[in-house]
C-alpha atoms as a PDB file:
ATOM      1  CA  MET A   1     -10.584   2.156   7.155  1.00  0.00           C
ATOM      2  CA  LYS A   2      -7.869   3.493   4.878  1.00  0.00           C
ATOM      3  CA  ILE A   3      -5.423   1.134   3.176  1.00  0.00           C
ATOM      4  CA  ALA A   4      -2.293   2.311   1.349  1.00  0.00           C
ATOM      5  CA  VAL A   5      -1.120   0.048  -1.446  1.00  0.00           C
ATOM      6  CA  ILE A   6       2.582   0.659  -2.034  1.00  0.00           C
ATOM      7  CA  GLY A   7       3.465   0.209  -5.665  1.00  0.00           C
ATOM      8  CA  ASP A   8       3.443   1.873  -9.032  1.00  0.00           C
ATOM      9  CA  TYR A   9      -0.064   1.145 -10.286  1.00  0.00           C
ATOM     10  CA  ASP A  10      -0.317  -0.242 -13.798  1.00  0.00           C
ATOM     11  CA  GLN A  11      -3.855  -0.629 -15.089  1.00  0.00           C
ATOM     12  CA  ASN A  12      -2.642  -3.328 -17.483  1.00  0.00           C
ATOM     13  CA  ARG A  13      -1.316  -5.614 -14.712  1.00  0.00           C
ATOM     14  CA  HIS A  14      -3.936  -8.132 -13.652  1.00  0.00           C
ATOM     15  CA  SER A  15      -2.309  -8.465 -10.227  1.00  0.00           C
ATOM     16  CA  HIS A  16      -2.762  -4.734  -9.571  1.00  0.00           C
ATOM     17  CA  ILE A  17      -6.423  -4.809 -10.557  1.00  0.00           C
ATOM     18  CA  ALA A  18      -6.948  -7.945  -8.468  1.00  0.00           C
ATOM     19  CA  THR A  19      -5.256  -6.398  -5.410  1.00  0.00           C
ATOM     20  CA  SER A  20      -7.684  -3.475  -5.271  1.00  0.00           C
ATOM     21  CA  GLU A  21     -10.643  -5.747  -5.954  1.00  0.00           C
ATOM     22  CA  ALA A  22      -9.591  -8.240  -3.266  1.00  0.00           C
ATOM     23  CA  ILE A  23      -9.429  -5.525  -0.612  1.00  0.00           C
ATOM     24  CA  GLU A  24     -12.806  -4.125  -1.609  1.00  0.00           C
ATOM     25  CA  GLN A  25     -14.488  -7.547  -1.804  1.00  0.00           C
ATOM     26  CA  SER A  26     -13.117  -8.530   1.603  1.00  0.00           C
ATOM     27  CA  ALA A  27     -14.381  -5.304   3.141  1.00  0.00           C
ATOM     28  CA  ASN A  28     -17.816  -5.803   1.587  1.00  0.00           C
ATOM     29  CA  TYR A  29     -17.989  -9.365   2.878  1.00  0.00           C
ATOM     30  CA  LEU A  30     -17.172  -8.154   6.393  1.00  0.00           C
ATOM     31  CA  SER A  31     -19.563  -5.174   6.064  1.00  0.00           C
ATOM     32  CA  HIS A  32     -16.703  -2.684   6.495  1.00  0.00           C
ATOM     33  CA  ARG A  33     -16.062   0.475   4.542  1.00  0.00           C
ATOM     34  CA  VAL A  34     -12.594   0.739   3.096  1.00  0.00           C
ATOM     35  CA  SER A  35     -10.740   3.331   1.089  1.00  0.00           C
ATOM     36  CA  VAL A  36      -7.849   2.058  -1.034  1.00  0.00           C
ATOM     37  CA  GLN A  37      -5.153   4.458  -2.198  1.00  0.00           C
ATOM     38  CA  TRP A  38      -2.186   3.438  -4.327  1.00  0.00           C
ATOM     39  CA  LEU A  39       1.024   5.264  -3.401  1.00  0.00           C
ATOM     40  CA  PRO A  40       3.878   5.341  -5.933  1.00  0.00           C
ATOM     41  CA  THR A  41       7.287   4.343  -4.643  1.00  0.00           C
ATOM     42  CA  LEU A  42       9.371   7.342  -5.793  1.00  0.00           C
ATOM     43  CA  PRO A  43       7.890   9.852  -3.269  1.00  0.00           C
ATOM     44  CA  LEU A  44       8.624   7.329  -0.494  1.00  0.00           C
ATOM     45  CA  GLU A  45      12.392   7.644  -1.090  1.00  0.00           C
ATOM     46  CA  THR A  46      12.583  10.833   0.987  1.00  0.00           C
ATOM     47  CA  GLY A  47      12.635  11.188   4.754  1.00  0.00           C
ATOM     48  CA  ASN A  48       8.926  12.060   4.672  1.00  0.00           C
ATOM     49  CA  THR A  49       7.813   8.430   4.457  1.00  0.00           C
ATOM     50  CA  LEU A  50       6.001   8.432   7.793  1.00  0.00           C
ATOM     51  CA  SER A  51       4.141  11.654   7.002  1.00  0.00           C
ATOM     52  CA  LEU A  52       2.868  10.014   3.794  1.00  0.00           C
ATOM     53  CA  LEU A  53       1.777   6.826   5.592  1.00  0.00           C
ATOM     54  CA  GLN A  54       0.561   7.859   9.054  1.00  0.00           C
ATOM     55  CA  GLU A  55      -3.015   8.538   7.918  1.00  0.00           C
ATOM     56  CA  PHE A  56      -3.489   4.888   6.880  1.00  0.00           C
ATOM     57  CA  ASP A  57      -4.802   2.037   9.015  1.00  0.00           C
ATOM     58  CA  GLY A  58      -2.781  -0.531   7.094  1.00  0.00           C
ATOM     59  CA  ILE A  59      -0.278  -0.921   4.282  1.00  0.00           C
ATOM     60  CA  TRP A  60      -0.323  -3.487   1.483  1.00  0.00           C
ATOM     61  CA  GLY A  61       2.860  -4.062  -0.513  1.00  0.00           C
ATOM     62  CA  ALA A  62       1.822  -4.482  -4.138  1.00  0.00           C
ATOM     63  CA  PRO A  63       3.125  -7.377  -6.222  1.00  0.00           C
ATOM     64  CA  GLY A  64       5.566  -6.886  -9.072  1.00  0.00           C
ATOM     65  CA  SER A  65       8.476  -4.599  -9.742  1.00  0.00           C
ATOM     66  CA  HIS A  66       8.632  -1.011  -8.517  1.00  0.00           C
ATOM     67  CA  ASN A  67      10.124   2.236  -9.785  1.00  0.00           C
ATOM     68  CA  SER A  68      11.969   2.645  -6.484  1.00  0.00           C
ATOM     69  CA  SER A  69      13.095  -0.276  -4.360  1.00  0.00           C
ATOM     70  CA  LEU A  70      14.267   2.239  -1.751  1.00  0.00           C
ATOM     71  CA  GLY A  71      10.788   3.786  -1.544  1.00  0.00           C
ATOM     72  CA  TYR A  72       9.245   0.327  -1.153  1.00  0.00           C
ATOM     73  CA  ILE A  73      11.722  -0.615   1.604  1.00  0.00           C
ATOM     74  CA  ASN A  74      11.173   2.736   3.373  1.00  0.00           C
ATOM     75  CA  ALA A  75       7.439   2.005   3.509  1.00  0.00           C
ATOM     76  CA  ILE A  76       8.097  -1.428   5.038  1.00  0.00           C
ATOM     77  CA  GLN A  77      10.472   0.104   7.583  1.00  0.00           C
ATOM     78  CA  ALA A  78       7.952   2.812   8.547  1.00  0.00           C
ATOM     79  CA  ALA A  79       5.246   0.179   9.003  1.00  0.00           C
ATOM     80  CA  ARG A  80       7.510  -1.835  11.312  1.00  0.00           C
ATOM     81  CA  GLU A  81       8.789   1.081  13.348  1.00  0.00           C
ATOM     82  CA  TYR A  82       5.405   2.769  13.825  1.00  0.00           C
ATOM     83  CA  ASN A  83       3.255  -0.356  14.245  1.00  0.00           C
ATOM     84  CA  ILE A  84       1.218   0.094  11.079  1.00  0.00           C
ATOM     85  CA  PRO A  85      -0.139  -3.309   9.951  1.00  0.00           C
ATOM     86  CA  TYR A  86       1.644  -4.430   6.780  1.00  0.00           C
ATOM     87  CA  LEU A  87       0.943  -7.194   4.284  1.00  0.00           C
ATOM     88  CA  GLY A  88       3.349  -7.841   1.412  1.00  0.00           C
ATOM     89  CA  THR A  89       2.459  -9.809  -1.710  1.00  0.00           C
END
């Protein structure tokens, strides 16, 4: 299973570290393999949002502020329109 985390990863933010760890711990508990990939918001501003997200089984909206609100919103819209499971925190 591949999960995209939409947000601008900051290794100094505890919530970003905890997000990746929570996904991995949940997968381990359920005996599932998961790959987590953080996607920055700026590349999601373009019309290529779906092409960047279609390989993922689910999308997690990262907590905190983002470099591009438009990129973040485009990811949410693509998830809705193309039935990709989405969880926002």
